[in-house]
C-alpha atoms as a PDB file:
ATOM      1  CA  UNK A   1      93.026 129.356  80.390  1.00  0.00           C
ATOM      2  CA  UNK A   2      91.113 127.297  82.955  1.00  0.00           C
ATOM      3  CA  UNK A   3      92.907 124.986  85.304  1.00  0.00           C
ATOM      4  CA  UNK A   4      93.084 121.335  84.237  1.00  0.00           C
ATOM      5  CA  UNK A   5      90.455 118.998  85.566  1.00  0.00           C
ATOM      6  CA  UNK A   6      91.588 116.167  87.779  1.00  0.00           C
ATOM      7  CA  UNK A   7      89.239 113.224  87.780  1.00  0.00           C
ATOM      8  CA  UNK A   8      88.585 112.010  91.286  1.00  0.00           C
ATOM      9  CA  UNK A   9      90.014 108.535  91.426  1.00  0.00           C
ATOM     10  CA  UNK A  10      90.819 105.872  93.952  1.00  0.00           C
ATOM     11  CA  UNK A  11      93.346 103.119  93.450  1.00  0.00           C
ATOM     12  CA  UNK A  12      93.178  99.984  95.577  1.00  0.00           C
ATOM     13  CA  UNK A  13      94.226  96.374  95.477  1.00  0.00           C
ATOM     14  CA  UNK A  14      96.296  95.513  92.400  1.00  0.00           C
ATOM     15  CA  UNK A  15      96.680  99.109  91.234  1.00  0.00           C
ATOM     16  CA  UNK A  16      97.681 100.225  94.720  1.00  0.00           C
ATOM     17  CA  UNK A  17     100.408  97.616  94.710  1.00  0.00           C
ATOM     18  CA  UNK A  18     101.764  98.974  91.434  1.00  0.00           C
ATOM     19  CA  UNK A  19     101.808 102.593  92.609  1.00  0.00           C
ATOM     20  CA  UNK A  20     103.231 101.765  96.025  1.00  0.00           C
ATOM     21  CA  UNK A  21     105.870  99.601  94.365  1.00  0.00           C
ATOM     22  CA  UNK A  22     106.823 102.494  92.098  1.00  0.00           C
ATOM     23  CA  UNK A  23     107.226 104.719  95.136  1.00  0.00           C
ATOM     24  CA  UNK A  24     109.210 102.335  97.293  1.00  0.00           C
ATOM     25  CA  UNK A  25     111.217 100.268  94.871  1.00  0.00           C
ATOM     26  CA  UNK A  26     112.616 103.239  92.964  1.00  0.00           C
ATOM     27  CA  UNK A  27     114.627 104.010  96.064  1.00  0.00           C
ATOM     28  CA  UNK A  28     118.094 103.288  94.660  1.00  0.00           C
ATOM     29  CA  UNK A  29     119.057 100.619  97.190  1.00  0.00           C
ATOM     30  CA  UNK A  30     115.885  98.666  96.461  1.00  0.00           C
ATOM     31  CA  UNK A  31     115.896  99.375  92.746  1.00  0.00           C
ATOM     32  CA  UNK A  32     119.407  97.893  92.555  1.00  0.00           C
ATOM     33  CA  UNK A  33     118.447  94.985  94.849  1.00  0.00           C
ATOM     34  CA  UNK A  34     121.477  95.953  96.933  1.00  0.00           C
ATOM     35  CA  UNK A  35     119.872  94.337  99.992  1.00  0.00           C
ATOM     36  CA  UNK A  36     117.310  91.564 100.373  1.00  0.00           C
ATOM     37  CA  UNK A  37     113.681  92.603  99.776  1.00  0.00           C
ATOM     38  CA  UNK A  38     110.882  90.787 101.598  1.00  0.00           C
ATOM     39  CA  UNK A  39     107.466  91.818 100.189  1.00  0.00           C
ATOM     40  CA  UNK A  40     103.957  90.792 101.248  1.00  0.00           C
ATOM     41  CA  UNK A  41     104.516  91.074 104.997  1.00  0.00           C
ATOM     42  CA  UNK A  42     101.050  91.528 106.423  1.00  0.00           C
ATOM     43  CA  UNK A  43     102.132  92.241 109.997  1.00  0.00           C
ATOM     44  CA  UNK A  44     105.592  90.908 110.816  1.00  0.00           C
ATOM     45  CA  UNK A  45     108.078  88.323 109.571  1.00  0.00           C
ATOM     46  CA  UNK A  46     110.179  86.132 111.852  1.00  0.00           C
ATOM     47  CA  UNK A  47     113.613  85.161 110.569  1.00  0.00           C
ATOM     48  CA  UNK A  48     115.302  82.148 112.150  1.00  0.00           C
ATOM     49  CA  UNK A  49     119.062  82.454 112.650  1.00  0.00           C
ATOM     50  CA  UNK A  50     120.791  79.129 113.261  1.00  0.00           C
ATOM     51  CA  UNK A  51     124.223  78.366 114.722  1.00  0.00           C
ATOM     52  CA  UNK A  52     125.687  74.845 114.776  1.00  0.00           C
ATOM     53  CA  UNK A  53     128.096  73.612 117.410  1.00  0.00           C
ATOM     54  CA  UNK A  54     130.463  70.600 117.266  1.00  0.00           C
ATOM     55  CA  UNK A  55     128.921  69.534 113.985  1.00  0.00           C
ATOM     56  CA  UNK A  56     131.862  67.432 112.787  1.00  0.00           C
ATOM     57  CA  UNK A  57     133.445  64.809 115.044  1.00  0.00           C
ATOM     58  CA  UNK A  58     135.608  61.738 114.722  1.00  0.00           C
ATOM     59  CA  UNK A  59     133.793  58.769 113.206  1.00  0.00           C
ATOM     60  CA  UNK A  60     132.782  55.623 115.109  1.00  0.00           C
ATOM     61  CA  UNK A  61     130.076  52.963 114.782  1.00  0.00           C
ATOM     62  CA  UNK A  62     127.448  54.756 116.847  1.00  0.00           C
ATOM     63  CA  UNK A  63     125.017  57.624 116.381  1.00  0.00           C
ATOM     64  CA  UNK A  64     125.490  60.165 119.131  1.00  0.00           C
ATOM     65  CA  UNK A  65     123.595  63.445 118.853  1.00  0.00           C
ATOM     66  CA  UNK A  66     124.650  64.713 122.253  1.00  0.00           C
ATOM     67  CA  UNK A  67     127.907  66.212 121.041  1.00  0.00           C
ATOM     68  CA  UNK A  68     126.411  68.331 118.235  1.00  0.00           C
ATOM     69  CA  UNK A  69     123.757  70.978 118.458  1.00  0.00           C
ATOM     70  CA  UNK A  70     121.781  73.652 116.661  1.00  0.00           C
ATOM     71  CA  UNK A  71     120.887  76.888 118.414  1.00  0.00           C
ATOM     72  CA  UNK A  72     118.093  78.897 116.839  1.00  0.00           C
ATOM     73  CA  UNK A  73     117.510  82.563 117.537  1.00  0.00           C
ATOM     74  CA  UNK A  74     114.869  84.792 116.025  1.00  0.00           C
ATOM     75  CA  UNK A  75     114.958  88.186 114.396  1.00  0.00           C
ATOM     76  CA  UNK A  76     111.613  89.870 113.727  1.00  0.00           C
ATOM     77  CA  UNK A  77     110.996  92.347 110.923  1.00  0.00           C
ATOM     78  CA  UNK A  78     107.931  94.458 111.665  1.00  0.00           C
ATOM     79  CA  UNK A  79     107.248  97.037 108.941  1.00  0.00           C
ATOM     80  CA  UNK A  80     106.077 100.447 110.130  1.00  0.00           C
ATOM     81  CA  UNK A  81     102.794 101.778 108.795  1.00  0.00           C
ATOM     82  CA  UNK A  82     103.374 105.055 106.958  1.00  0.00           C
ATOM     83  CA  UNK A  83     101.215 107.446 105.011  1.00  0.00           C
ATOM     84  CA  UNK A  84     101.194 110.542 102.826  1.00  0.00           C
ATOM     85  CA  UNK A  85      98.472 113.125 103.428  1.00  0.00           C
ATOM     86  CA  UNK A  86      99.147 115.900 100.951  1.00  0.00           C
ATOM     87  CA  UNK A  87      97.007 118.807  99.811  1.00  0.00           C
ATOM     88  CA  UNK A  88      98.101 120.855  96.805  1.00  0.00           C
ATOM     89  CA  UNK A  89      96.488 123.529  94.681  1.00  0.00           C
ATOM     90  CA  UNK A  90      95.914 122.662  91.030  1.00  0.00           C
ATOM     91  CA  UNK A  91      96.967 126.152  90.053  1.00  0.00           C
ATOM     92  CA  UNK A  92     100.435 125.638  91.536  1.00  0.00           C
ATOM     93  CA  UNK A  93     101.020 122.627  89.275  1.00  0.00           C
ATOM     94  CA  UNK A  94      99.410 124.111  86.205  1.00  0.00           C
ATOM     95  CA  UNK A  95     102.615 125.329  84.550  1.00  0.00           C
ATOM     96  CA  UNK A  96     104.356 121.996  85.169  1.00  0.00           C
ATOM     97  CA  UNK A  97     101.433 120.096  83.739  1.00  0.00           C
ATOM     98  CA  UNK A  98     101.373 122.261  80.604  1.00  0.00           C
ATOM     99  CA  UNK A  99     105.109 121.634  80.153  1.00  0.00           C
ATOM    100  CA  UNK A 100     104.534 117.910  80.447  1.00  0.00           C
ATOM    101  CA  UNK A 101     101.782 118.000  77.840  1.00  0.00           C
ATOM    102  CA  UNK A 102     104.027 120.008  75.499  1.00  0.00           C
ATOM    103  CA  UNK A 103     106.662 117.295  75.726  1.00  0.00           C
ATOM    104  CA  UNK A 104     109.620 119.108  77.272  1.00  0.00           C
ATOM    105  CA  UNK A 105     112.410 116.561  77.664  1.00  0.00           C
ATOM    106  CA  UNK A 106     112.532 116.888  81.448  1.00  0.00           C
ATOM    107  CA  UNK A 107     109.025 115.452  81.561  1.00  0.00           C
ATOM    108  CA  UNK A 108     109.072 113.061  78.599  1.00  0.00           C
ATOM    109  CA  UNK A 109     108.650 110.001  80.789  1.00  0.00           C
ATOM    110  CA  UNK A 110     105.570 111.218  82.615  1.00  0.00           C
ATOM    111  CA  UNK A 111     102.236 109.451  82.053  1.00  0.00           C
ATOM    112  CA  UNK A 112      99.521 111.318  80.154  1.00  0.00           C
ATOM    113  CA  UNK A 113      96.972 111.496  82.987  1.00  0.00           C
ATOM    114  CA  UNK A 114      97.291 114.400  85.357  1.00  0.00           C
ATOM    115  CA  UNK A 115      96.499 112.189  88.323  1.00  0.00           C
ATOM    116  CA  UNK A 116      99.454 109.991  87.349  1.00  0.00           C
ATOM    117  CA  UNK A 117     101.603 113.103  87.032  1.00  0.00           C
ATOM    118  CA  UNK A 118     100.772 114.135  90.593  1.00  0.00           C
ATOM    119  CA  UNK A 119     101.401 110.625  91.917  1.00  0.00           C
ATOM    120  CA  UNK A 120     104.725 110.439  90.072  1.00  0.00           C
ATOM    121  CA  UNK A 121     105.918 113.643  91.725  1.00  0.00           C
ATOM    122  CA  UNK A 122     104.865 112.414  95.155  1.00  0.00           C
ATOM    123  CA  UNK A 123     106.302 108.954  94.526  1.00  0.00           C
ATOM    124  CA  UNK A 124     109.728 110.450  93.839  1.00  0.00           C
ATOM    125  CA  UNK A 125     109.679 112.117  97.252  1.00  0.00           C
ATOM    126  CA  UNK A 126     108.539 108.901  98.929  1.00  0.00           C
ATOM    127  CA  UNK A 127     111.371 106.997  97.241  1.00  0.00           C
ATOM    128  CA  UNK A 128     113.924 109.542  98.484  1.00  0.00           C
ATOM    129  CA  UNK A 129     112.572 109.357 102.033  1.00  0.00           C
ATOM    130  CA  UNK A 130     112.619 105.557 101.896  1.00  0.00           C
ATOM    131  CA  UNK A 131     116.263 105.505 100.786  1.00  0.00           C
ATOM    132  CA  UNK A 132     117.252 107.690 103.739  1.00  0.00           C
ATOM    133  CA  UNK A 133     115.221 105.650 106.210  1.00  0.00           C
ATOM    134  CA  UNK A 134     116.717 102.352 105.033  1.00  0.00           C
ATOM    135  CA  UNK A 135     120.212 103.428 106.018  1.00  0.00           C
ATOM    136  CA  UNK A 136     119.930 106.165 108.633  1.00  0.00           C
ATOM    137  CA  UNK A 137     116.337 106.122 109.815  1.00  0.00           C
ATOM    138  CA  UNK A 138     115.306 106.079 113.465  1.00  0.00           C
ATOM    139  CA  UNK A 139     111.811 105.185 114.617  1.00  0.00           C
ATOM    140  CA  UNK A 140     109.673 108.281 114.939  1.00  0.00           C
ATOM    141  CA  UNK A 141     107.310 110.444 112.952  1.00  0.00           C
ATOM    142  CA  UNK A 142     107.313 109.285 109.328  1.00  0.00           C
ATOM    143  CA  UNK A 143     110.313 107.034 109.837  1.00  0.00           C
ATOM    144  CA  UNK A 144     111.483 103.547 110.790  1.00  0.00           C
ATOM    145  CA  UNK A 145     114.676 102.081 112.231  1.00  0.00           C
ATOM    146  CA  UNK A 146     117.234 101.862 109.445  1.00  0.00           C
ATOM    147  CA  UNK A 147     120.202  99.537 109.155  1.00  0.00           C
ATOM    148  CA  UNK A 148     122.639 101.914 110.863  1.00  0.00           C
ATOM    149  CA  UNK A 149     120.311 102.333 113.850  1.00  0.00           C
ATOM    150  CA  UNK A 150     119.777  98.581 114.107  1.00  0.00           C
ATOM    151  CA  UNK A 151     123.507  97.880 113.825  1.00  0.00           C
ATOM    152  CA  UNK A 152     124.387 100.474 116.466  1.00  0.00           C
ATOM    153  CA  UNK A 153     121.951  98.844 118.890  1.00  0.00           C
ATOM    154  CA  UNK A 154     123.296  95.330 118.250  1.00  0.00           C
ATOM    155  CA  UNK A 155     126.147  94.475 120.595  1.00  0.00           C
ATOM    156  CA  UNK A 156     127.401  91.715 118.293  1.00  0.00           C
ATOM    157  CA  UNK A 157     128.060  94.063 115.353  1.00  0.00           C
ATOM    158  CA  UNK A 158     131.755  94.843 114.769  1.00  0.00           C
ATOM    159  CA  UNK A 159     132.329  98.576 115.256  1.00  0.00           C
ATOM    160  CA  UNK A 160     135.043 100.618 113.539  1.00  0.00           C
ATOM    161  CA  UNK A 161     135.580 104.209 114.670  1.00  0.00           C
ATOM    162  CA  UNK A 162     135.007 106.652 111.832  1.00  0.00           C
ATOM    163  CA  UNK A 163     137.064 109.638 110.734  1.00  0.00           C
ATOM    164  CA  UNK A 164     136.499 112.535 108.367  1.00  0.00           C
ATOM    165  CA  UNK A 165     137.222 110.790 105.069  1.00  0.00           C
ATOM    166  CA  UNK A 166     139.212 112.553 102.339  1.00  0.00           C
ATOM    167  CA  UNK A 167     141.031 111.401  99.211  1.00  0.00           C
ATOM    168  CA  UNK A 168     144.218 111.331 101.294  1.00  0.00           C
ATOM    169  CA  UNK A 169     142.957 108.843 103.904  1.00  0.00           C
ATOM    170  CA  UNK A 170     140.127 106.974 102.163  1.00  0.00           C
ATOM    171  CA  UNK A 171     142.300 103.977 101.308  1.00  0.00           C
ATOM    172  CA  UNK A 172     143.376 103.612 104.939  1.00  0.00           C
ATOM    173  CA  UNK A 173     139.782 103.992 106.183  1.00  0.00           C
ATOM    174  CA  UNK A 174     138.382 101.444 103.749  1.00  0.00           C
ATOM    175  CA  UNK A 175     141.272  99.192 104.733  1.00  0.00           C
ATOM    176  CA  UNK A 176     140.242  99.457 108.390  1.00  0.00           C
ATOM    177  CA  UNK A 177     136.737  98.327 107.450  1.00  0.00           C
ATOM    178  CA  UNK A 178     138.037  95.355 105.456  1.00  0.00           C
ATOM    179  CA  UNK A 179     140.408  94.370 108.258  1.00  0.00           C
ATOM    180  CA  UNK A 180     137.441  94.214 110.649  1.00  0.00           C
ATOM    181  CA  UNK A 181     135.343  91.903 108.455  1.00  0.00           C
ATOM    182  CA  UNK A 182     135.025  88.481 110.134  1.00  0.00           C
ATOM    183  CA  UNK A 183     136.948  85.703 108.392  1.00  0.00           C
ATOM    184  CA  UNK A 184     133.732  83.694 108.041  1.00  0.00           C
ATOM    185  CA  UNK A 185     132.244  86.486 105.906  1.00  0.00           C
ATOM    186  CA  UNK A 186     135.274  87.700 103.974  1.00  0.00           C
ATOM    187  CA  UNK A 187     135.249  86.280 100.466  1.00  0.00           C
ATOM    188  CA  UNK A 188     131.481  85.802 100.275  1.00  0.00           C
ATOM    189  CA  UNK A 189     130.097  86.488  96.802  1.00  0.00           C
ATOM    190  CA  UNK A 190     127.517  88.975  98.093  1.00  0.00           C
ATOM    191  CA  UNK A 191     129.806  90.871 100.473  1.00  0.00           C
ATOM    192  CA  UNK A 192     129.463  94.630  99.948  1.00  0.00           C
ATOM    193  CA  UNK A 193     130.884  97.771 101.532  1.00  0.00           C
ATOM    194  CA  UNK A 194     128.031 100.285 101.600  1.00  0.00           C
ATOM    195  CA  UNK A 195     129.394 103.829 101.802  1.00  0.00           C
ATOM    196  CA  UNK A 196     128.188 107.407 101.987  1.00  0.00           C
ATOM    197  CA  UNK A 197     128.501 109.609  98.940  1.00  0.00           C
ATOM    198  CA  UNK A 198     131.483 111.544 100.279  1.00  0.00           C
ATOM    199  CA  UNK A 199     133.469 108.336 100.860  1.00  0.00           C
ATOM    200  CA  UNK A 200     132.681 107.182  97.328  1.00  0.00           C
ATOM    201  CA  UNK A 201     133.765 110.513  95.863  1.00  0.00           C
ATOM    202  CA  UNK A 202     136.959 110.478  97.903  1.00  0.00           C
ATOM    203  CA  UNK A 203     137.792 106.982  96.670  1.00  0.00           C
ATOM    204  CA  UNK A 204     137.254 107.987  93.035  1.00  0.00           C
ATOM    205  CA  UNK A 205     139.503 111.007  93.498  1.00  0.00           C
ATOM    206  CA  UNK A 206     142.153 108.849  95.155  1.00  0.00           C
ATOM    207  CA  UNK A 207     142.044 106.500  92.175  1.00  0.00           C
ATOM    208  CA  UNK A 208     142.547 109.554  89.986  1.00  0.00           C
ATOM    209  CA  UNK A 209     146.040 109.984  91.361  1.00  0.00           C
ATOM    210  CA  UNK A 210     145.654 112.374  94.271  1.00  0.00           C
ATOM    211  CA  UNK A 211     145.734 109.778  97.024  1.00  0.00           C
ATOM    212  CA  UNK A 212     148.463 107.781  98.659  1.00  0.00           C
ATOM    213  CA  UNK A 213     149.095 104.013  98.615  1.00  0.00           C
ATOM    214  CA  UNK A 214     151.228 104.026  95.467  1.00  0.00           C
ATOM    215  CA  UNK A 215     148.534 105.237  93.089  1.00  0.00           C
ATOM    216  CA  UNK A 216     150.934 107.696  91.495  1.00  0.00           C
ATOM    217  CA  UNK A 217     150.281 111.062  89.920  1.00  0.00           C
ATOM    218  CA  UNK A 218     148.397 109.586  86.986  1.00  0.00           C
ATOM    219  CA  UNK A 219     146.112 107.416  89.064  1.00  0.00           C
ATOM    220  CA  UNK A 220     144.336 104.242  88.058  1.00  0.00           C
ATOM    221  CA  UNK A 221     145.087 103.093  84.492  1.00  0.00           C
ATOM    222  CA  UNK A 222     147.288 106.205  84.039  1.00  0.00           C
ATOM    223  CA  UNK A 223     144.240 108.313  83.188  1.00  0.00           C
ATOM    224  CA  UNK A 224     144.262 110.702  86.141  1.00  0.00           C
ATOM    225  CA  UNK A 225     140.837 112.212  86.720  1.00  0.00           C
ATOM    226  CA  UNK A 226     139.918 111.917  83.033  1.00  0.00           C
ATOM    227  CA  UNK A 227     138.218 108.561  83.442  1.00  0.00           C
ATOM    228  CA  UNK A 228     134.879 106.977  84.125  1.00  0.00           C
ATOM    229  CA  UNK A 229     134.927 104.650  87.109  1.00  0.00           C
ATOM    230  CA  UNK A 230     131.897 102.433  87.534  1.00  0.00           C
ATOM    231  CA  UNK A 231     131.416  99.316  89.604  1.00  0.00           C
ATOM    232  CA  UNK A 232     134.230 100.126  92.036  1.00  0.00           C
ATOM    233  CA  UNK A 233     135.859  97.500  94.243  1.00  0.00           C
ATOM    234  CA  UNK A 234     138.256  97.691  97.172  1.00  0.00           C
ATOM    235  CA  UNK A 235     140.444  94.677  97.938  1.00  0.00           C
ATOM    236  CA  UNK A 236     138.095  92.683  95.749  1.00  0.00           C
ATOM    237  CA  UNK A 237     134.946  93.785  97.614  1.00  0.00           C
ATOM    238  CA  UNK A 238     132.211  95.703  95.831  1.00  0.00           C
ATOM    239  CA  UNK A 239     131.724  99.339  96.887  1.00  0.00           C
ATOM    240  CA  UNK A 240     128.113 100.525  96.858  1.00  0.00           C
ATOM    241  CA  UNK A 241     127.336 104.250  97.352  1.00  0.00           C
ATOM    242  CA  UNK A 242     124.070 105.328  98.921  1.00  0.00           C
ATOM    243  CA  UNK A 243     122.607 108.758  99.558  1.00  0.00           C
ATOM    244  CA  UNK A 244     120.847 107.299 102.600  1.00  0.00           C
ATOM    245  CA  UNK A 245     124.015 107.491 104.698  1.00  0.00           C
ATOM    246  CA  UNK A 246     125.232 110.775 106.130  1.00  0.00           C
ATOM    247  CA  UNK A 247     128.842 111.705 105.368  1.00  0.00           C
ATOM    248  CA  UNK A 248     131.612 109.492 106.750  1.00  0.00           C
ATOM    249  CA  UNK A 249     129.387 106.463 107.360  1.00  0.00           C
ATOM    250  CA  UNK A 250     129.783 102.967 105.961  1.00  0.00           C
ATOM    251  CA  UNK A 251     128.782  99.370 106.570  1.00  0.00           C
ATOM    252  CA  UNK A 252     130.224  96.079 105.367  1.00  0.00           C
ATOM    253  CA  UNK A 253     127.810  93.165 105.151  1.00  0.00           C
ATOM    254  CA  UNK A 254     126.458  90.453 102.924  1.00  0.00           C
ATOM    255  CA  UNK A 255     123.452  91.706 100.966  1.00  0.00           C
ATOM    256  CA  UNK A 256     121.657  88.493 101.965  1.00  0.00           C
ATOM    257  CA  UNK A 257     122.049  89.525 105.622  1.00  0.00           C
ATOM    258  CA  UNK A 258     120.345  92.929 105.287  1.00  0.00           C
ATOM    259  CA  UNK A 259     116.575  92.955 104.871  1.00  0.00           C
ATOM    260  CA  UNK A 260     113.906  95.418 103.791  1.00  0.00           C
ATOM    261  CA  UNK A 261     110.320  94.369 104.394  1.00  0.00           C
ATOM    262  CA  UNK A 262     107.066  95.813 103.134  1.00  0.00           C
ATOM    263  CA  UNK A 263     103.453  94.798 102.631  1.00  0.00           C
ATOM    264  CA  UNK A 264     103.261  96.669  99.340  1.00  0.00           C
ATOM    265  CA  UNK A 265     101.013  94.071  97.704  1.00  0.00           C
ATOM    266  CA  UNK A 266      98.531  93.561 100.502  1.00  0.00           C
ATOM    267  CA  UNK A 267      95.016  94.902 100.358  1.00  0.00           C
ATOM    268  CA  UNK A 268      95.550  97.671 102.932  1.00  0.00           C
ATOM    269  CA  UNK A 269      97.618  99.745 100.521  1.00  0.00           C
ATOM    270  CA  UNK A 270      95.810 102.532  98.762  1.00  0.00           C
ATOM    271  CA  UNK A 271      96.614 105.543  96.655  1.00  0.00           C
ATOM    272  CA  UNK A 272      93.973 108.210  96.218  1.00  0.00           C
ATOM    273  CA  UNK A 273      93.904 111.425  94.229  1.00  0.00           C
ATOM    274  CA  UNK A 274      90.854 113.392  95.296  1.00  0.00           C
ATOM    275  CA  UNK A 275      89.711 116.522  93.472  1.00  0.00           C
ATOM    276  CA  UNK A 276      88.100 118.672  96.161  1.00  0.00           C
ATOM    277  CA  UNK A 277      86.399 121.066  93.700  1.00  0.00           C
ATOM    278  CA  UNK A 278      83.200 119.010  93.660  1.00  0.00           C
ATOM    279  CA  UNK A 279      83.270 118.659  97.443  1.00  0.00           C
ATOM    280  CA  UNK A 280      84.086 122.116  98.798  1.00  0.00           C
ATOM    281  CA  UNK A 281      84.500 124.217  95.644  1.00  0.00           C
ATOM    282  CA  UNK A 282      88.234 124.722  96.195  1.00  0.00           C
ATOM    283  CA  UNK A 283      91.130 124.277  93.766  1.00  0.00           C
ATOM    284  CA  UNK A 284      92.750 121.750  96.073  1.00  0.00           C
ATOM    285  CA  UNK A 285      93.741 118.189  95.319  1.00  0.00           C
ATOM    286  CA  UNK A 286      94.410 115.693  98.084  1.00  0.00           C
ATOM    287  CA  UNK A 287      96.837 112.818  97.686  1.00  0.00           C
ATOM    288  CA  UNK A 288      96.628 109.917 100.126  1.00  0.00           C
ATOM    289  CA  UNK A 289      99.091 107.037 100.219  1.00  0.00           C
ATOM    290  CA  UNK A 290      99.409 104.230 102.757  1.00  0.00           C
ATOM    291  CA  UNK A 291     102.194 101.691 102.852  1.00  0.00           C
ATOM    292  CA  UNK A 292     104.516  99.804 105.200  1.00  0.00           C
ATOM    293  CA  UNK A 293     108.301  99.645 105.366  1.00  0.00           C
ATOM    294  CA  UNK A 294     110.947  98.348 107.743  1.00  0.00           C
ATOM    295  CA  UNK A 295     114.461  96.899 107.997  1.00  0.00           C
ATOM    296  CA  UNK A 296     116.229  94.145 109.893  1.00  0.00           C
ATOM    297  CA  UNK A 297     119.708  92.608 110.172  1.00  0.00           C
ATOM    298  CA  UNK A 298     120.004  88.838 110.189  1.00  0.00           C
ATOM    299  CA  UNK A 299     123.319  88.048 111.942  1.00  0.00           C
ATOM    300  CA  UNK A 300     124.789  91.085 113.657  1.00  0.00           C
ATOM    301  CA  UNK A 301     128.205  89.480 114.158  1.00  0.00           C
ATOM    302  CA  UNK A 302     128.631  89.339 110.365  1.00  0.00           C
ATOM    303  CA  UNK A 303     128.252  93.124 109.989  1.00  0.00           C
ATOM    304  CA  UNK A 304     130.904  95.836 110.288  1.00  0.00           C
ATOM    305  CA  UNK A 305     129.638  99.326 111.118  1.00  0.00           C
ATOM    306  CA  UNK A 306     131.846 102.333 110.347  1.00  0.00           C
ATOM    307  CA  UNK A 307     130.167 105.058 112.332  1.00  0.00           C
END
């Protein structure tokens, strides 16, 4: 059976935005809107951070602005330009493509065009890389400074020394994070404790009855480990797990204070699937993607970093 034919195609403008969006925004943190997303950044975005001083004073008959003040500082979010330059052989994907056409359940959501199939596979990898970069990335090849890197470099961020988290100590460790949250932030509706997967698993197991803190042998709701725990909270604060963090890492912050920026809808984005058979006679297909991505923290003093 001959290899499938891939029609050479180039996506730009509106279509590029859709494909880039599918790649970036299916990263779980962005898909869940767990932090603030700032699209359409052409080059950089400046965020003004304001702090008032002596705003309220005793009343009199005069207007006196000398006792109150507003100090503005600036945080700049500059997305990093990234790209995918991939070359694959059509023959290597042939069996997968046949399975998709035959309707195997693992592929039932794939689009009918082979070019879309290739892009979907690549987009999944881009989404995974984006999720990791958002939380643990450091500027370098194929990467950008993530929220942990930015927080570690910010002297105003509240630091909490980490430990190896287990079901036996997870309650105490999460408690240390909560205790470090500034009073001005504690109680905010969008306050979240972002945790690594191992911390989340340890907390679930502790709630199952194998932790301390008075949970008892039967755990939460007397169901032991035979329960489904979704939408977990700790001391009234939402717990959000992310695969972007390495083990034993966490951050407490308002979601409105953590930013992800991208220019995914601007005209520089492009996705290309190029069949090289008509160019050099090979069985190769080249996939080219270009996009931008970056992170920034608004007010460092309102963030607690467990790292």
